[in-house]
Amino acid sequence: MLPYDSLEGAELALGRNFTVAERFWFSYSAHKSDYILYTHNCLFVFLVFSLVPLPWALVELYWFDAVDRFKLQPRVKRSFPELFKCYKDVLHQFIFVVAPLIAVSFPVLE
């Protein structure tokens, strides 16, 4: 929980007015427990697992010849079903390993 009871008190402690994003986050998180806010990390990690490999997957699918020299195995070409299966496997691991680990590890970090 935040140590400030009001938006004005938080702005006074900061020494400036909040931005729109900061005001939104304060109004959202002011009365939520630390554990609930900590579990938001699961969403951020999910976005990283999903969005970071996307550019390389698109390059892999449309196979730009300019990137062949950067690949360890340039003759290996992946199809859409293979890439989708890999994505599903990663999300399966995320759901059954990473998400519970994030949820359970909070008391250790506190």
N, C-alpha and C. Protein backbone atom coordinates (compact mmCIF):
# COMPACT_ATOMS: atom_id res chain seq x y z
N MET A 1 0.85 -1.18 0.00
CA MET A 1 0.00 0.00 0.00
C MET A 1 0.89 1.24 0.00
N LEU A 2 0.38 2.27 -0.61
CA LEU A 2 1.13 3.52 -0.68
C LEU A 2 1.07 4.24 0.66
N PRO A 3 2.14 4.94 1.04
CA PRO A 3 2.13 5.63 2.33
C PRO A 3 1.33 6.93 2.32
N TYR A 4 0.72 7.28 1.22
CA TYR A 4 -0.03 8.54 1.13
C TYR A 4 -1.52 8.25 1.04
N ASP A 5 -2.30 8.99 1.81
CA ASP A 5 -3.74 8.77 1.82
C ASP A 5 -4.46 9.50 0.71
N SER A 6 -3.86 10.57 0.23
CA SER A 6 -4.54 11.36 -0.80
C SER A 6 -3.59 11.71 -1.93
N LEU A 7 -4.17 12.06 -3.03
CA LEU A 7 -3.40 12.47 -4.20
C LEU A 7 -2.60 13.73 -3.90
N GLU A 8 -3.21 14.65 -3.17
CA GLU A 8 -2.53 15.90 -2.83
C GLU A 8 -1.31 15.65 -1.94
N GLY A 9 -1.44 14.74 -0.99
CA GLY A 9 -0.32 14.41 -0.11
C GLY A 9 0.85 13.80 -0.89
N ALA A 10 0.53 12.96 -1.85
CA ALA A 10 1.59 12.35 -2.67
C ALA A 10 2.26 13.40 -3.55
N GLU A 11 1.46 14.31 -4.12
CA GLU A 11 2.03 15.37 -4.95
C GLU A 11 2.90 16.31 -4.12
N LEU A 12 2.47 16.59 -2.90
CA LEU A 12 3.23 17.45 -2.00
C LEU A 12 4.57 16.80 -1.64
N ALA A 13 4.56 15.51 -1.36
CA ALA A 13 5.80 14.80 -1.04
C ALA A 13 6.73 14.73 -2.24
N LEU A 14 6.16 14.64 -3.43
CA LEU A 14 6.96 14.58 -4.65
C LEU A 14 7.50 15.95 -5.04
N GLY A 15 6.76 16.99 -4.68
CA GLY A 15 7.19 18.35 -4.98
C GLY A 15 6.77 18.85 -6.35
N ARG A 16 5.85 18.15 -6.97
CA ARG A 16 5.33 18.57 -8.28
C ARG A 16 3.98 17.91 -8.50
N ASN A 17 3.27 18.37 -9.52
CA ASN A 17 2.00 17.75 -9.86
C ASN A 17 2.24 16.42 -10.58
N PHE A 18 1.30 15.51 -10.41
CA PHE A 18 1.39 14.22 -11.10
C PHE A 18 1.06 14.39 -12.57
N THR A 19 1.64 13.53 -13.38
CA THR A 19 1.24 13.46 -14.79
C THR A 19 -0.07 12.68 -14.85
N VAL A 20 -0.66 12.62 -16.01
CA VAL A 20 -1.92 11.89 -16.17
C VAL A 20 -1.72 10.41 -15.85
N ALA A 21 -0.62 9.83 -16.34
CA ALA A 21 -0.35 8.41 -16.08
C ALA A 21 -0.13 8.16 -14.59
N GLU A 22 0.60 9.05 -13.93
CA GLU A 22 0.83 8.89 -12.49
C GLU A 22 -0.47 9.03 -11.70
N ARG A 23 -1.31 9.94 -12.10
CA ARG A 23 -2.60 10.13 -11.43
C ARG A 23 -3.47 8.88 -11.60
N PHE A 24 -3.48 8.33 -12.81
CA PHE A 24 -4.25 7.10 -13.06
C PHE A 24 -3.72 5.96 -12.19
N TRP A 25 -2.38 5.79 -12.16
CA TRP A 25 -1.81 4.70 -11.39
C TRP A 25 -2.08 4.89 -9.90
N PHE A 26 -2.01 6.13 -9.40
CA PHE A 26 -2.28 6.38 -7.99
C PHE A 26 -3.73 6.03 -7.66
N SER A 27 -4.65 6.46 -8.50
CA SER A 27 -6.06 6.17 -8.21
C SER A 27 -6.34 4.68 -8.30
N TYR A 28 -5.61 3.97 -9.16
CA TYR A 28 -5.80 2.53 -9.29
C TYR A 28 -5.18 1.77 -8.11
N SER A 29 -3.97 2.17 -7.72
CA SER A 29 -3.21 1.35 -6.78
C SER A 29 -3.22 1.84 -5.34
N ALA A 30 -3.83 2.96 -5.06
CA ALA A 30 -3.74 3.55 -3.72
C ALA A 30 -4.25 2.62 -2.61
N HIS A 31 -5.29 1.88 -2.86
CA HIS A 31 -5.88 1.06 -1.80
C HIS A 31 -5.76 -0.44 -2.08
N LYS A 32 -4.86 -0.82 -2.96
CA LYS A 32 -4.63 -2.24 -3.24
C LYS A 32 -3.47 -2.73 -2.37
N SER A 33 -3.50 -3.99 -2.04
CA SER A 33 -2.41 -4.55 -1.23
C SER A 33 -1.15 -4.71 -2.08
N ASP A 34 -0.03 -4.80 -1.41
CA ASP A 34 1.24 -4.98 -2.11
C ASP A 34 1.25 -6.28 -2.91
N TYR A 35 0.61 -7.32 -2.38
CA TYR A 35 0.59 -8.60 -3.08
C TYR A 35 -0.15 -8.48 -4.41
N ILE A 36 -1.28 -7.80 -4.42
CA ILE A 36 -2.03 -7.62 -5.67
C ILE A 36 -1.19 -6.84 -6.67
N LEU A 37 -0.51 -5.81 -6.23
CA LEU A 37 0.35 -5.05 -7.13
C LEU A 37 1.54 -5.89 -7.60
N TYR A 38 2.06 -6.74 -6.74
CA TYR A 38 3.17 -7.61 -7.12
C TYR A 38 2.76 -8.61 -8.19
N THR A 39 1.53 -9.10 -8.11
CA THR A 39 1.08 -10.07 -9.11
C THR A 39 0.93 -9.44 -10.50
N HIS A 40 0.94 -8.12 -10.57
CA HIS A 40 0.94 -7.47 -11.89
C HIS A 40 2.21 -7.82 -12.67
N ASN A 41 3.27 -8.20 -11.97
CA ASN A 41 4.50 -8.62 -12.66
C ASN A 41 4.23 -9.78 -13.60
N CYS A 42 3.28 -10.61 -13.25
CA CYS A 42 2.92 -11.74 -14.11
C CYS A 42 2.45 -11.23 -15.48
N LEU A 43 1.66 -10.19 -15.48
CA LEU A 43 1.20 -9.60 -16.74
C LEU A 43 2.37 -9.02 -17.54
N PHE A 44 3.27 -8.32 -16.87
CA PHE A 44 4.41 -7.73 -17.56
C PHE A 44 5.32 -8.81 -18.16
N VAL A 45 5.57 -9.86 -17.40
CA VAL A 45 6.41 -10.95 -17.90
C VAL A 45 5.72 -11.64 -19.07
N PHE A 46 4.41 -11.83 -18.99
CA PHE A 46 3.66 -12.42 -20.10
C PHE A 46 3.79 -11.57 -21.37
N LEU A 47 3.70 -10.26 -21.23
CA LEU A 47 3.86 -9.38 -22.39
C LEU A 47 5.26 -9.49 -22.98
N VAL A 48 6.26 -9.58 -22.12
CA VAL A 48 7.63 -9.73 -22.61
C VAL A 48 7.79 -11.06 -23.33
N PHE A 49 7.27 -12.14 -22.76
CA PHE A 49 7.37 -13.46 -23.39
C PHE A 49 6.64 -13.46 -24.74
N SER A 50 5.59 -12.68 -24.87
CA SER A 50 4.78 -12.69 -26.09
C SER A 50 5.28 -11.73 -27.15
N LEU A 51 5.67 -10.53 -26.75
CA LEU A 51 5.96 -9.48 -27.73
C LEU A 51 7.42 -9.40 -28.17
N VAL A 52 8.35 -9.74 -27.29
CA VAL A 52 9.76 -9.61 -27.65
C VAL A 52 10.14 -10.56 -28.80
N PRO A 53 9.70 -11.82 -28.81
CA PRO A 53 10.08 -12.70 -29.93
C PRO A 53 9.30 -12.46 -31.22
N LEU A 54 8.27 -11.63 -31.16
CA LEU A 54 7.41 -11.44 -32.33
C LEU A 54 8.15 -10.91 -33.56
N PRO A 55 9.02 -9.91 -33.45
CA PRO A 55 9.74 -9.46 -34.66
C PRO A 55 10.57 -10.57 -35.30
N TRP A 56 11.25 -11.36 -34.47
CA TRP A 56 12.05 -12.44 -35.05
C TRP A 56 11.16 -13.50 -35.68
N ALA A 57 10.01 -13.78 -35.09
CA ALA A 57 9.09 -14.75 -35.68
C ALA A 57 8.60 -14.27 -37.04
N LEU A 58 8.32 -12.98 -37.16
CA LEU A 58 7.89 -12.45 -38.45
C LEU A 58 9.02 -12.52 -39.47
N VAL A 59 10.24 -12.23 -39.05
CA VAL A 59 11.39 -12.36 -39.95
C VAL A 59 11.55 -13.82 -40.37
N GLU A 60 11.37 -14.71 -39.42
CA GLU A 60 11.50 -16.15 -39.70
C GLU A 60 10.43 -16.61 -40.69
N LEU A 61 9.21 -16.12 -40.53
CA LEU A 61 8.13 -16.53 -41.43
C LEU A 61 8.31 -16.00 -42.84
N TYR A 62 8.66 -14.75 -42.94
CA TYR A 62 8.75 -14.13 -44.27
C TYR A 62 10.14 -14.24 -44.85
N TRP A 63 11.07 -14.73 -44.07
CA TRP A 63 12.40 -15.15 -44.48
C TRP A 63 13.12 -14.15 -45.36
N PHE A 64 13.51 -13.09 -44.75
CA PHE A 64 14.33 -12.11 -45.45
C PHE A 64 15.73 -12.70 -45.60
N ASP A 65 16.24 -12.73 -46.82
CA ASP A 65 17.55 -13.34 -47.07
C ASP A 65 18.68 -12.59 -46.40
N ALA A 66 18.47 -11.33 -46.09
CA ALA A 66 19.53 -10.54 -45.47
C ALA A 66 19.88 -11.04 -44.07
N VAL A 67 18.97 -11.76 -43.41
CA VAL A 67 19.26 -12.24 -42.06
C VAL A 67 19.85 -13.63 -42.04
N ASP A 68 19.98 -14.27 -43.18
CA ASP A 68 20.56 -15.62 -43.22
C ASP A 68 21.95 -15.66 -42.60
N ARG A 69 22.73 -14.65 -42.81
CA ARG A 69 24.10 -14.68 -42.31
C ARG A 69 24.17 -14.55 -40.79
N PHE A 70 23.07 -14.12 -40.15
CA PHE A 70 23.05 -13.99 -38.69
C PHE A 70 22.53 -15.25 -37.99
N LYS A 71 21.99 -16.18 -38.76
CA LYS A 71 21.44 -17.40 -38.17
C LYS A 71 22.52 -18.43 -37.96
N LEU A 72 22.37 -19.21 -36.90
CA LEU A 72 23.32 -20.29 -36.66
C LEU A 72 23.13 -21.43 -37.66
N GLN A 73 21.89 -21.65 -38.06
CA GLN A 73 21.57 -22.69 -39.04
C GLN A 73 20.75 -22.05 -40.16
N PRO A 74 21.41 -21.41 -41.12
CA PRO A 74 20.67 -20.66 -42.14
C PRO A 74 19.81 -21.52 -43.05
N ARG A 75 20.09 -22.82 -43.15
CA ARG A 75 19.27 -23.67 -44.03
C ARG A 75 17.98 -24.14 -43.37
N VAL A 76 17.88 -23.97 -42.06
CA VAL A 76 16.68 -24.40 -41.34
C VAL A 76 15.59 -23.35 -41.52
N LYS A 77 14.46 -23.79 -42.03
CA LYS A 77 13.32 -22.89 -42.21
C LYS A 77 12.15 -23.42 -41.40
N ARG A 78 11.52 -22.54 -40.69
CA ARG A 78 10.40 -22.93 -39.83
C ARG A 78 9.08 -22.51 -40.48
N SER A 79 8.09 -23.36 -40.33
CA SER A 79 6.76 -23.04 -40.85
C SER A 79 5.94 -22.37 -39.76
N PHE A 80 4.79 -21.84 -40.14
CA PHE A 80 3.91 -21.20 -39.16
C PHE A 80 3.46 -22.19 -38.09
N PRO A 81 3.05 -23.43 -38.45
CA PRO A 81 2.66 -24.37 -37.38
C PRO A 81 3.79 -24.66 -36.38
N GLU A 82 5.03 -24.73 -36.87
CA GLU A 82 6.15 -24.96 -35.96
C GLU A 82 6.35 -23.78 -35.01
N LEU A 83 6.27 -22.57 -35.55
CA LEU A 83 6.42 -21.38 -34.70
C LEU A 83 5.27 -21.28 -33.70
N PHE A 84 4.07 -21.59 -34.14
CA PHE A 84 2.92 -21.52 -33.24
C PHE A 84 3.02 -22.57 -32.14
N LYS A 85 3.51 -23.76 -32.48
CA LYS A 85 3.70 -24.80 -31.47
C LYS A 85 4.74 -24.35 -30.43
N CYS A 86 5.81 -23.73 -30.89
CA CYS A 86 6.83 -23.22 -29.97
C CYS A 86 6.22 -22.16 -29.05
N TYR A 87 5.41 -21.26 -29.62
CA TYR A 87 4.75 -20.22 -28.82
C TYR A 87 3.84 -20.86 -27.77
N LYS A 88 3.07 -21.86 -28.17
CA LYS A 88 2.18 -22.53 -27.22
C LYS A 88 2.98 -23.23 -26.12
N ASP A 89 4.10 -23.84 -26.49
CA ASP A 89 4.93 -24.51 -25.48
C ASP A 89 5.49 -23.51 -24.47
N VAL A 90 5.93 -22.37 -24.96
CA VAL A 90 6.47 -21.34 -24.07
C VAL A 90 5.37 -20.83 -23.14
N LEU A 91 4.18 -20.58 -23.67
CA LEU A 91 3.08 -20.10 -22.82
C LEU A 91 2.65 -21.17 -21.82
N HIS A 92 2.70 -22.42 -22.23
CA HIS A 92 2.39 -23.51 -21.31
C HIS A 92 3.36 -23.49 -20.14
N GLN A 93 4.65 -23.35 -20.43
CA GLN A 93 5.65 -23.27 -19.37
C GLN A 93 5.43 -22.03 -18.51
N PHE A 94 5.06 -20.94 -19.14
CA PHE A 94 4.80 -19.72 -18.39
C PHE A 94 3.66 -19.92 -17.40
N ILE A 95 2.57 -20.49 -17.88
CA ILE A 95 1.38 -20.65 -17.04
C ILE A 95 1.64 -21.62 -15.88
N PHE A 96 2.35 -22.70 -16.16
CA PHE A 96 2.52 -23.73 -15.13
C PHE A 96 3.80 -23.61 -14.31
N VAL A 97 4.73 -22.75 -14.72
CA VAL A 97 5.98 -22.61 -13.96
C VAL A 97 6.19 -21.17 -13.49
N VAL A 98 6.21 -20.23 -14.42
CA VAL A 98 6.59 -18.86 -14.09
C VAL A 98 5.50 -18.16 -13.27
N ALA A 99 4.26 -18.24 -13.70
CA ALA A 99 3.17 -17.55 -12.99
C ALA A 99 3.04 -18.04 -11.54
N PRO A 100 3.02 -19.37 -11.28
CA PRO A 100 2.98 -19.79 -9.87
C PRO A 100 4.22 -19.36 -9.08
N LEU A 101 5.37 -19.37 -9.73
CA LEU A 101 6.58 -18.94 -9.04
C LEU A 101 6.49 -17.47 -8.64
N ILE A 102 5.95 -16.65 -9.52
CA ILE A 102 5.76 -15.23 -9.19
C ILE A 102 4.77 -15.09 -8.04
N ALA A 103 3.68 -15.85 -8.10
CA ALA A 103 2.64 -15.73 -7.07
C ALA A 103 3.13 -16.21 -5.70
N VAL A 104 3.94 -17.25 -5.67
CA VAL A 104 4.37 -17.84 -4.40
C VAL A 104 5.57 -17.12 -3.81
N SER A 105 6.37 -16.47 -4.64
CA SER A 105 7.62 -15.89 -4.16
C SER A 105 7.44 -14.56 -3.42
N PHE A 106 6.27 -13.99 -3.41
CA PHE A 106 6.08 -12.69 -2.77
C PHE A 106 6.46 -12.67 -1.29
N PRO A 107 6.03 -13.63 -0.48
CA PRO A 107 6.41 -13.58 0.94
C PRO A 107 7.92 -13.64 1.16
N VAL A 108 8.64 -14.29 0.29
CA VAL A 108 10.09 -14.37 0.42
C VAL A 108 10.72 -13.01 0.17
N LEU A 109 10.19 -12.27 -0.78
CA LEU A 109 10.74 -10.97 -1.13
C LEU A 109 10.36 -9.89 -0.13
N GLU A 110 9.30 -10.10 0.60
CA GLU A 110 8.84 -9.09 1.54
C GLU A 110 9.64 -9.18 2.77
